[in-house]
């Protein structure tokens, strides 16, 4: 199989967590094409927070890319590229919800948008979460919370009401894991 080869890369924008590049790609037919590439320097973690009664806690926040609020699993960027994603997941759970867990295990790793971005998100399961205090939100964050029955979340995914990739992957992985027990 012939392959595509990057023959040039130009930094177009350097952000706080993202860099945007313009890549010149050599195609198998000998032609060239310009492709956009987004580099996510830190990576991220996400957590499926399960209450003792089996409900899942989601957060609702405004997403400017969509110009609307979305229901999502708690998640966020690592503080630096060397921070273990398990530490990030536990921190984000506490910051966004005020909850904690003594049982956090990795469910899966995913690349959020492989067509143009290298962002890696590790998704964790937090069992038997408990209230540990108040939310510790960043200045720009305004986050609501709601407890959901897992089956209700599956219905929302299949109805297209929940579309965030990390949230869909985390809930489906948890549902699959529950179904095997």
C-alpha atoms as a PDB file:
ATOM      1  CA  UNK A   1       0.000   0.000   0.000  1.00  0.00           C
ATOM      2  CA  UNK A   2       1.342   3.408  -0.908  1.00  0.00           C
ATOM      3  CA  UNK A   3       1.427   5.999   1.819  1.00  0.00           C
ATOM      4  CA  UNK A   4       1.044   9.691   2.433  1.00  0.00           C
ATOM      5  CA  UNK A   5       4.165  11.556   3.558  1.00  0.00           C
ATOM      6  CA  UNK A   6       4.486  14.899   5.322  1.00  0.00           C
ATOM      7  CA  UNK A   7       7.079  16.986   3.472  1.00  0.00           C
ATOM      8  CA  UNK A   8       6.627  20.256   5.352  1.00  0.00           C
ATOM      9  CA  UNK A   9       5.097  21.707   8.496  1.00  0.00           C
ATOM     10  CA  UNK A  10       4.495  25.361   9.363  1.00  0.00           C
ATOM     11  CA  UNK A  11       3.350  26.615  12.759  1.00  0.00           C
ATOM     12  CA  UNK A  12       0.342  28.866  12.112  1.00  0.00           C
ATOM     13  CA  UNK A  13      -0.782  29.511  15.703  1.00  0.00           C
ATOM     14  CA  UNK A  14       0.723  28.800  19.114  1.00  0.00           C
ATOM     15  CA  UNK A  15      -1.845  28.689  21.906  1.00  0.00           C
ATOM     16  CA  UNK A  16      -1.852  27.860  25.581  1.00  0.00           C
ATOM     17  CA  UNK A  17      -2.710  24.164  25.084  1.00  0.00           C
ATOM     18  CA  UNK A  18      -3.024  23.879  21.290  1.00  0.00           C
ATOM     19  CA  UNK A  19      -0.724  24.537  18.376  1.00  0.00           C
ATOM     20  CA  UNK A  20      -2.113  24.732  14.855  1.00  0.00           C
ATOM     21  CA  UNK A  21       0.034  23.700  11.913  1.00  0.00           C
ATOM     22  CA  UNK A  22      -0.262  23.725   8.140  1.00  0.00           C
ATOM     23  CA  UNK A  23       1.186  20.474   6.790  1.00  0.00           C
ATOM     24  CA  UNK A  24       2.272  19.941   3.195  1.00  0.00           C
ATOM     25  CA  UNK A  25       1.520  16.321   2.356  1.00  0.00           C
ATOM     26  CA  UNK A  26       2.830  14.264  -0.566  1.00  0.00           C
ATOM     27  CA  UNK A  27       0.085  11.951  -1.822  1.00  0.00           C
ATOM     28  CA  UNK A  28       0.540   8.453  -3.269  1.00  0.00           C
ATOM     29  CA  UNK A  29      -0.228   9.802  -6.783  1.00  0.00           C
ATOM     30  CA  UNK A  30       2.701  12.253  -6.490  1.00  0.00           C
ATOM     31  CA  UNK A  31       0.539  15.320  -5.913  1.00  0.00           C
ATOM     32  CA  UNK A  32       0.650  17.511  -2.840  1.00  0.00           C
ATOM     33  CA  UNK A  33      -2.091  18.722  -0.550  1.00  0.00           C
ATOM     34  CA  UNK A  34      -2.248  21.151   2.384  1.00  0.00           C
ATOM     35  CA  UNK A  35      -3.747  19.693   5.570  1.00  0.00           C
ATOM     36  CA  UNK A  36      -4.449  21.371   8.908  1.00  0.00           C
ATOM     37  CA  UNK A  37      -3.107  19.727  12.052  1.00  0.00           C
ATOM     38  CA  UNK A  38      -3.893  20.580  15.679  1.00  0.00           C
ATOM     39  CA  UNK A  39      -1.394  19.476  18.299  1.00  0.00           C
ATOM     40  CA  UNK A  40      -2.722  19.131  21.843  1.00  0.00           C
ATOM     41  CA  UNK A  41       0.439  19.466  23.927  1.00  0.00           C
ATOM     42  CA  UNK A  42      -0.816  18.303  27.326  1.00  0.00           C
ATOM     43  CA  UNK A  43      -3.370  15.564  26.816  1.00  0.00           C
ATOM     44  CA  UNK A  44      -6.399  15.178  29.039  1.00  0.00           C
ATOM     45  CA  UNK A  45      -8.352  12.916  31.332  1.00  0.00           C
ATOM     46  CA  UNK A  46     -12.035  12.215  31.768  1.00  0.00           C
ATOM     47  CA  UNK A  47     -13.904  10.394  34.496  1.00  0.00           C
ATOM     48  CA  UNK A  48     -17.163   8.409  34.640  1.00  0.00           C
ATOM     49  CA  UNK A  49     -18.311   9.235  38.198  1.00  0.00           C
ATOM     50  CA  UNK A  50     -20.666   6.547  39.527  1.00  0.00           C
ATOM     51  CA  UNK A  51     -22.597   7.161  42.732  1.00  0.00           C
ATOM     52  CA  UNK A  52     -23.219   4.301  45.192  1.00  0.00           C
ATOM     53  CA  UNK A  53     -26.798   4.047  43.827  1.00  0.00           C
ATOM     54  CA  UNK A  54     -25.469   3.481  40.274  1.00  0.00           C
ATOM     55  CA  UNK A  55     -26.341   6.882  38.822  1.00  0.00           C
ATOM     56  CA  UNK A  56     -23.713   8.788  36.852  1.00  0.00           C
ATOM     57  CA  UNK A  57     -22.877  12.409  37.591  1.00  0.00           C
ATOM     58  CA  UNK A  58     -22.570  14.685  34.541  1.00  0.00           C
ATOM     59  CA  UNK A  59     -21.636  18.341  34.314  1.00  0.00           C
ATOM     60  CA  UNK A  60     -23.281  20.937  32.110  1.00  0.00           C
ATOM     61  CA  UNK A  61     -21.190  23.722  30.680  1.00  0.00           C
ATOM     62  CA  UNK A  62     -21.163  26.189  27.823  1.00  0.00           C
ATOM     63  CA  UNK A  63     -19.079  25.184  24.794  1.00  0.00           C
ATOM     64  CA  UNK A  64     -18.289  28.136  22.513  1.00  0.00           C
ATOM     65  CA  UNK A  65     -17.398  25.878  19.557  1.00  0.00           C
ATOM     66  CA  UNK A  66     -21.018  24.687  19.549  1.00  0.00           C
ATOM     67  CA  UNK A  67     -22.538  27.915  20.887  1.00  0.00           C
ATOM     68  CA  UNK A  68     -24.574  25.948  23.426  1.00  0.00           C
ATOM     69  CA  UNK A  69     -24.481  24.097  26.728  1.00  0.00           C
ATOM     70  CA  UNK A  70     -23.650  20.388  26.747  1.00  0.00           C
ATOM     71  CA  UNK A  71     -23.903  17.557  29.273  1.00  0.00           C
ATOM     72  CA  UNK A  72     -20.510  15.885  29.676  1.00  0.00           C
ATOM     73  CA  UNK A  73     -18.426  13.734  31.935  1.00  0.00           C
ATOM     74  CA  UNK A  74     -16.024  15.743  34.118  1.00  0.00           C
ATOM     75  CA  UNK A  75     -12.740  16.204  32.272  1.00  0.00           C
ATOM     76  CA  UNK A  76      -9.826  18.497  31.719  1.00  0.00           C
ATOM     77  CA  UNK A  77      -6.274  18.964  30.555  1.00  0.00           C
ATOM     78  CA  UNK A  78      -3.299  17.673  32.435  1.00  0.00           C
ATOM     79  CA  UNK A  79      -1.334  20.386  34.236  1.00  0.00           C
ATOM     80  CA  UNK A  80       1.705  19.327  32.192  1.00  0.00           C
ATOM     81  CA  UNK A  81       2.631  16.558  29.759  1.00  0.00           C
ATOM     82  CA  UNK A  82       4.237  14.508  32.564  1.00  0.00           C
ATOM     83  CA  UNK A  83       1.250  14.509  34.929  1.00  0.00           C
ATOM     84  CA  UNK A  84      -0.320  11.034  35.203  1.00  0.00           C
ATOM     85  CA  UNK A  85      -3.793  11.110  33.705  1.00  0.00           C
ATOM     86  CA  UNK A  86      -5.133   9.322  36.801  1.00  0.00           C
ATOM     87  CA  UNK A  87      -4.092  12.323  38.904  1.00  0.00           C
ATOM     88  CA  UNK A  88      -5.714  14.660  36.380  1.00  0.00           C
ATOM     89  CA  UNK A  89      -8.958  12.640  36.386  1.00  0.00           C
ATOM     90  CA  UNK A  90      -9.214  12.688  40.174  1.00  0.00           C
ATOM     91  CA  UNK A  91      -8.463  16.432  40.280  1.00  0.00           C
ATOM     92  CA  UNK A  92     -11.026  17.270  37.585  1.00  0.00           C
ATOM     93  CA  UNK A  93     -13.690  15.193  39.347  1.00  0.00           C
ATOM     94  CA  UNK A  94     -13.100  17.171  42.534  1.00  0.00           C
ATOM     95  CA  UNK A  95     -12.769  20.593  40.889  1.00  0.00           C
ATOM     96  CA  UNK A  96     -15.837  20.293  38.661  1.00  0.00           C
ATOM     97  CA  UNK A  97     -18.150  18.440  41.038  1.00  0.00           C
ATOM     98  CA  UNK A  98     -16.808  18.547  44.600  1.00  0.00           C
ATOM     99  CA  UNK A  99     -16.910  14.725  44.597  1.00  0.00           C
ATOM    100  CA  UNK A 100     -14.092  12.237  45.140  1.00  0.00           C
ATOM    101  CA  UNK A 101     -13.559   8.481  44.906  1.00  0.00           C
ATOM    102  CA  UNK A 102     -11.204   5.970  46.469  1.00  0.00           C
ATOM    103  CA  UNK A 103     -11.599   3.699  43.429  1.00  0.00           C
ATOM    104  CA  UNK A 104     -10.441   5.155  40.104  1.00  0.00           C
ATOM    105  CA  UNK A 105      -9.461   2.782  37.290  1.00  0.00           C
ATOM    106  CA  UNK A 106      -8.706   3.395  33.614  1.00  0.00           C
ATOM    107  CA  UNK A 107     -11.447   2.291  31.206  1.00  0.00           C
ATOM    108  CA  UNK A 108      -9.903   3.295  27.868  1.00  0.00           C
ATOM    109  CA  UNK A 109      -7.790   5.756  25.923  1.00  0.00           C
ATOM    110  CA  UNK A 110      -9.076   7.655  22.929  1.00  0.00           C
ATOM    111  CA  UNK A 111      -7.961  10.152  20.332  1.00  0.00           C
ATOM    112  CA  UNK A 112     -10.770  12.691  20.193  1.00  0.00           C
ATOM    113  CA  UNK A 113     -10.612  13.752  16.530  1.00  0.00           C
ATOM    114  CA  UNK A 114      -8.083  11.758  14.492  1.00  0.00           C
ATOM    115  CA  UNK A 115      -8.741  13.545  11.190  1.00  0.00           C
ATOM    116  CA  UNK A 116      -6.876  16.670  12.311  1.00  0.00           C
ATOM    117  CA  UNK A 117      -5.934  16.493  16.012  1.00  0.00           C
ATOM    118  CA  UNK A 118      -3.637  14.333  18.160  1.00  0.00           C
ATOM    119  CA  UNK A 119      -5.426  14.938  21.495  1.00  0.00           C
ATOM    120  CA  UNK A 120      -5.213  11.901  23.780  1.00  0.00           C
ATOM    121  CA  UNK A 121      -7.822  11.456  26.507  1.00  0.00           C
ATOM    122  CA  UNK A 122      -7.637   8.686  29.087  1.00  0.00           C
ATOM    123  CA  UNK A 123     -11.100   7.827  30.423  1.00  0.00           C
ATOM    124  CA  UNK A 124     -11.391   6.599  34.009  1.00  0.00           C
ATOM    125  CA  UNK A 125     -14.138   4.984  36.062  1.00  0.00           C
ATOM    126  CA  UNK A 126     -14.661   6.400  39.559  1.00  0.00           C
ATOM    127  CA  UNK A 127     -16.826   4.059  41.634  1.00  0.00           C
ATOM    128  CA  UNK A 128     -18.761   4.950  44.761  1.00  0.00           C
ATOM    129  CA  UNK A 129     -18.114   8.666  44.499  1.00  0.00           C
ATOM    130  CA  UNK A 130     -18.818  10.734  47.584  1.00  0.00           C
ATOM    131  CA  UNK A 131     -19.216  14.418  48.311  1.00  0.00           C
ATOM    132  CA  UNK A 132     -15.833  15.761  49.435  1.00  0.00           C
ATOM    133  CA  UNK A 133     -16.604  19.473  49.451  1.00  0.00           C
ATOM    134  CA  UNK A 134     -17.549  22.233  47.069  1.00  0.00           C
ATOM    135  CA  UNK A 135     -16.683  22.707  43.415  1.00  0.00           C
ATOM    136  CA  UNK A 136     -13.369  24.475  42.746  1.00  0.00           C
ATOM    137  CA  UNK A 137     -14.113  26.041  39.377  1.00  0.00           C
ATOM    138  CA  UNK A 138     -11.786  28.091  37.217  1.00  0.00           C
ATOM    139  CA  UNK A 139     -12.795  31.739  36.908  1.00  0.00           C
ATOM    140  CA  UNK A 140     -14.353  31.206  33.460  1.00  0.00           C
ATOM    141  CA  UNK A 141     -16.219  28.016  34.408  1.00  0.00           C
ATOM    142  CA  UNK A 142     -19.920  27.918  35.220  1.00  0.00           C
ATOM    143  CA  UNK A 143     -20.812  24.270  35.722  1.00  0.00           C
ATOM    144  CA  UNK A 144     -24.109  22.666  36.743  1.00  0.00           C
ATOM    145  CA  UNK A 145     -24.392  19.007  37.774  1.00  0.00           C
ATOM    146  CA  UNK A 146     -27.043  16.334  37.433  1.00  0.00           C
ATOM    147  CA  UNK A 147     -27.263  12.661  38.420  1.00  0.00           C
ATOM    148  CA  UNK A 148     -28.446  10.373  35.605  1.00  0.00           C
ATOM    149  CA  UNK A 149     -29.554   6.773  35.324  1.00  0.00           C
ATOM    150  CA  UNK A 150     -27.122   4.984  32.961  1.00  0.00           C
ATOM    151  CA  UNK A 151     -29.958   3.739  30.729  1.00  0.00           C
ATOM    152  CA  UNK A 152     -31.250   7.290  30.363  1.00  0.00           C
ATOM    153  CA  UNK A 153     -27.777   8.384  29.234  1.00  0.00           C
ATOM    154  CA  UNK A 154     -27.666   5.605  26.649  1.00  0.00           C
ATOM    155  CA  UNK A 155     -31.002   6.821  25.268  1.00  0.00           C
ATOM    156  CA  UNK A 156     -29.622  10.377  25.057  1.00  0.00           C
ATOM    157  CA  UNK A 157     -26.533   9.138  23.193  1.00  0.00           C
ATOM    158  CA  UNK A 158     -28.568   7.205  20.622  1.00  0.00           C
ATOM    159  CA  UNK A 159     -30.995  10.116  20.238  1.00  0.00           C
ATOM    160  CA  UNK A 160     -28.058  12.398  19.405  1.00  0.00           C
ATOM    161  CA  UNK A 161     -28.590  14.538  22.503  1.00  0.00           C
ATOM    162  CA  UNK A 162     -25.155  13.686  23.927  1.00  0.00           C
ATOM    163  CA  UNK A 163     -22.471  13.983  21.245  1.00  0.00           C
ATOM    164  CA  UNK A 164     -19.239  14.782  23.093  1.00  0.00           C
ATOM    165  CA  UNK A 165     -16.806  12.011  22.108  1.00  0.00           C
ATOM    166  CA  UNK A 166     -15.206  11.456  25.517  1.00  0.00           C
ATOM    167  CA  UNK A 167     -18.628  11.344  27.172  1.00  0.00           C
ATOM    168  CA  UNK A 168     -20.072   8.949  24.611  1.00  0.00           C
ATOM    169  CA  UNK A 169     -17.015   6.671  24.823  1.00  0.00           C
ATOM    170  CA  UNK A 170     -16.968   6.699  28.624  1.00  0.00           C
ATOM    171  CA  UNK A 171     -20.649   5.959  29.051  1.00  0.00           C
ATOM    172  CA  UNK A 172     -20.646   3.221  26.400  1.00  0.00           C
ATOM    173  CA  UNK A 173     -17.533   1.616  27.934  1.00  0.00           C
ATOM    174  CA  UNK A 174     -19.139   1.678  31.373  1.00  0.00           C
ATOM    175  CA  UNK A 175     -22.414   0.259  30.025  1.00  0.00           C
ATOM    176  CA  UNK A 176     -20.486  -2.516  28.268  1.00  0.00           C
ATOM    177  CA  UNK A 177     -18.538  -3.302  31.420  1.00  0.00           C
ATOM    178  CA  UNK A 178     -21.764  -3.408  33.486  1.00  0.00           C
ATOM    179  CA  UNK A 179     -23.368  -5.750  30.944  1.00  0.00           C
ATOM    180  CA  UNK A 180     -20.553  -8.284  31.280  1.00  0.00           C
ATOM    181  CA  UNK A 181     -20.989  -8.723  35.037  1.00  0.00           C
END
